[in-house]
C-alpha atoms as a PDB file:
ATOM      1  CA  MET A   1     -12.951  10.737 -23.815  1.00  0.00           C
ATOM      2  CA  GLU A   2     -10.090  12.816 -25.149  1.00  0.00           C
ATOM      3  CA  GLU A   3      -7.600  14.562 -22.904  1.00  0.00           C
ATOM      4  CA  GLU A   4      -8.412  18.021 -24.267  1.00  0.00           C
ATOM      5  CA  THR A   5     -12.089  17.533 -23.404  1.00  0.00           C
ATOM      6  CA  LEU A   6     -11.296  16.283 -19.890  1.00  0.00           C
ATOM      7  CA  LEU A   7      -9.001  19.239 -19.192  1.00  0.00           C
ATOM      8  CA  GLU A   8     -11.582  21.700 -20.554  1.00  0.00           C
ATOM      9  CA  GLN A   9     -14.164  20.176 -18.200  1.00  0.00           C
ATOM     10  CA  GLY A  10     -11.932  20.834 -15.186  1.00  0.00           C
ATOM     11  CA  TYR A  11     -10.205  17.487 -14.756  1.00  0.00           C
ATOM     12  CA  ARG A  12      -6.667  17.433 -13.387  1.00  0.00           C
ATOM     13  CA  LYS A  13      -4.168  15.024 -14.955  1.00  0.00           C
ATOM     14  CA  TYR A  14      -2.039  12.558 -13.002  1.00  0.00           C
ATOM     15  CA  ARG A  15       0.567  11.080 -15.339  1.00  0.00           C
ATOM     16  CA  GLY A  16       1.546   7.429 -15.367  1.00  0.00           C
ATOM     17  CA  ALA A  17       3.733   5.289 -17.598  1.00  0.00           C
ATOM     18  CA  ASP A  18       0.851   3.130 -18.892  1.00  0.00           C
ATOM     19  CA  VAL A  19      -2.234   5.126 -17.961  1.00  0.00           C
ATOM     20  CA  ASP A  20      -3.017   8.751 -17.148  1.00  0.00           C
ATOM     21  CA  ILE A  21      -5.688   9.329 -14.522  1.00  0.00           C
ATOM     22  CA  TYR A  22      -7.922  12.387 -14.490  1.00  0.00           C
ATOM     23  CA  PHE A  23      -9.841  13.709 -11.489  1.00  0.00           C
ATOM     24  CA  ASN A  24     -12.498  16.422 -11.286  1.00  0.00           C
ATOM     25  CA  THR A  25     -13.079  17.584  -7.714  1.00  0.00           C
ATOM     26  CA  ASN A  26     -16.149  19.585  -8.782  1.00  0.00           C
ATOM     27  CA  ILE A  27     -18.186  16.468  -9.599  1.00  0.00           C
ATOM     28  CA  CYS A  28     -16.756  14.123  -6.963  1.00  0.00           C
ATOM     29  CA  ALA A  29     -19.522  12.623  -4.807  1.00  0.00           C
ATOM     30  CA  HIS A  30     -17.031  11.630  -2.066  1.00  0.00           C
ATOM     31  CA  SER A  31     -18.193   8.008  -2.031  1.00  0.00           C
ATOM     32  CA  GLY A  32     -14.653   6.964  -1.090  1.00  0.00           C
ATOM     33  CA  ASN A  33     -14.615   4.079  -3.573  1.00  0.00           C
ATOM     34  CA  CYS A  34     -11.206   5.188  -4.830  1.00  0.00           C
ATOM     35  CA  VAL A  35      -9.351   5.268  -1.511  1.00  0.00           C
ATOM     36  CA  LYS A  36     -11.180   2.167  -0.257  1.00  0.00           C
ATOM     37  CA  GLY A  37     -10.550   0.458  -3.578  1.00  0.00           C
ATOM     38  CA  ASN A  38      -6.765   0.801  -3.549  1.00  0.00           C
ATOM     39  CA  ALA A  39      -4.757   2.869  -1.061  1.00  0.00           C
ATOM     40  CA  GLU A  40      -1.555   2.447  -3.075  1.00  0.00           C
ATOM     41  CA  LEU A  41      -3.182   4.259  -5.997  1.00  0.00           C
ATOM     42  CA  PHE A  42      -5.385   6.746  -4.140  1.00  0.00           C
ATOM     43  CA  ASN A  43      -4.122   8.132  -0.824  1.00  0.00           C
ATOM     44  CA  LEU A  44      -5.386  11.424   0.587  1.00  0.00           C
ATOM     45  CA  ASP A  45      -2.440  11.663   3.007  1.00  0.00           C
ATOM     46  CA  ARG A  46       0.165  12.310   0.300  1.00  0.00           C
ATOM     47  CA  LYS A  47       0.871  14.675  -2.560  1.00  0.00           C
ATOM     48  CA  PRO A  48       0.075  13.839  -5.251  1.00  0.00           C
ATOM     49  CA  TRP A  49      -2.793  11.795  -3.882  1.00  0.00           C
ATOM     50  CA  ILE A  50      -3.140   9.809  -7.130  1.00  0.00           C
ATOM     51  CA  MET A  51      -0.093   7.805  -8.239  1.00  0.00           C
ATOM     52  CA  PRO A  52      -0.898   5.800 -11.397  1.00  0.00           C
ATOM     53  CA  ASP A  53       2.424   3.938 -11.451  1.00  0.00           C
ATOM     54  CA  ASN A  54       1.897   2.421  -7.986  1.00  0.00           C
ATOM     55  CA  VAL A  55      -0.398  -0.290  -9.390  1.00  0.00           C
ATOM     56  CA  PRO A  56      -0.791  -2.208 -12.667  1.00  0.00           C
ATOM     57  CA  LYS A  57      -2.868  -0.442 -15.321  1.00  0.00           C
ATOM     58  CA  GLU A  58      -5.678  -2.994 -15.066  1.00  0.00           C
ATOM     59  CA  GLU A  59      -5.983  -2.386 -11.312  1.00  0.00           C
ATOM     60  CA  ALA A  60      -6.194   1.380 -11.862  1.00  0.00           C
ATOM     61  CA  LYS A  61      -8.952   0.853 -14.423  1.00  0.00           C
ATOM     62  CA  ARG A  62     -10.832  -1.506 -12.088  1.00  0.00           C
ATOM     63  CA  VAL A  63     -10.928   1.022  -9.251  1.00  0.00           C
ATOM     64  CA  ILE A  64     -11.811   3.947 -11.536  1.00  0.00           C
ATOM     65  CA  HIS A  65     -14.790   1.986 -12.861  1.00  0.00           C
ATOM     66  CA  THR A  66     -16.207   1.909  -9.301  1.00  0.00           C
ATOM     67  CA  CYS A  67     -16.441   5.725  -9.188  1.00  0.00           C
ATOM     68  CA  PRO A  68     -20.176   6.544  -9.165  1.00  0.00           C
ATOM     69  CA  SER A  69     -19.893  10.229 -10.105  1.00  0.00           C
ATOM     70  CA  GLY A  70     -17.537  10.043 -13.081  1.00  0.00           C
ATOM     71  CA  ALA A  71     -15.046  12.280 -11.272  1.00  0.00           C
ATOM     72  CA  LEU A  72     -12.313   9.765 -12.152  1.00  0.00           C
ATOM     73  CA  GLN A  73     -11.422   9.013 -15.750  1.00  0.00           C
ATOM     74  CA  TYR A  74      -8.406   7.464 -17.448  1.00  0.00           C
ATOM     75  CA  ILE A  75      -6.663   7.333 -20.798  1.00  0.00           C
ATOM     76  CA  GLU A  76      -4.513   4.301 -21.619  1.00  0.00           C
ATOM     77  CA  LYS A  77      -1.220   4.831 -23.405  1.00  0.00           C
END
């Protein structure tokens, strides 16, 4: 998906060096797969709660693929 489309659909962008992560709170099913999947990447106790550069790009993609609602998306650079 293209960034413009994601932003139009209400996703918020979290910039990283190798991958940008997009999150849409309106469609999040709160399964917790993200925070359980990698607390270095997704941590609700900090701002910003998503930090793409804390893990390798492939790890970020792996965790995002476990999101059942599609609330998490990414665009590789």
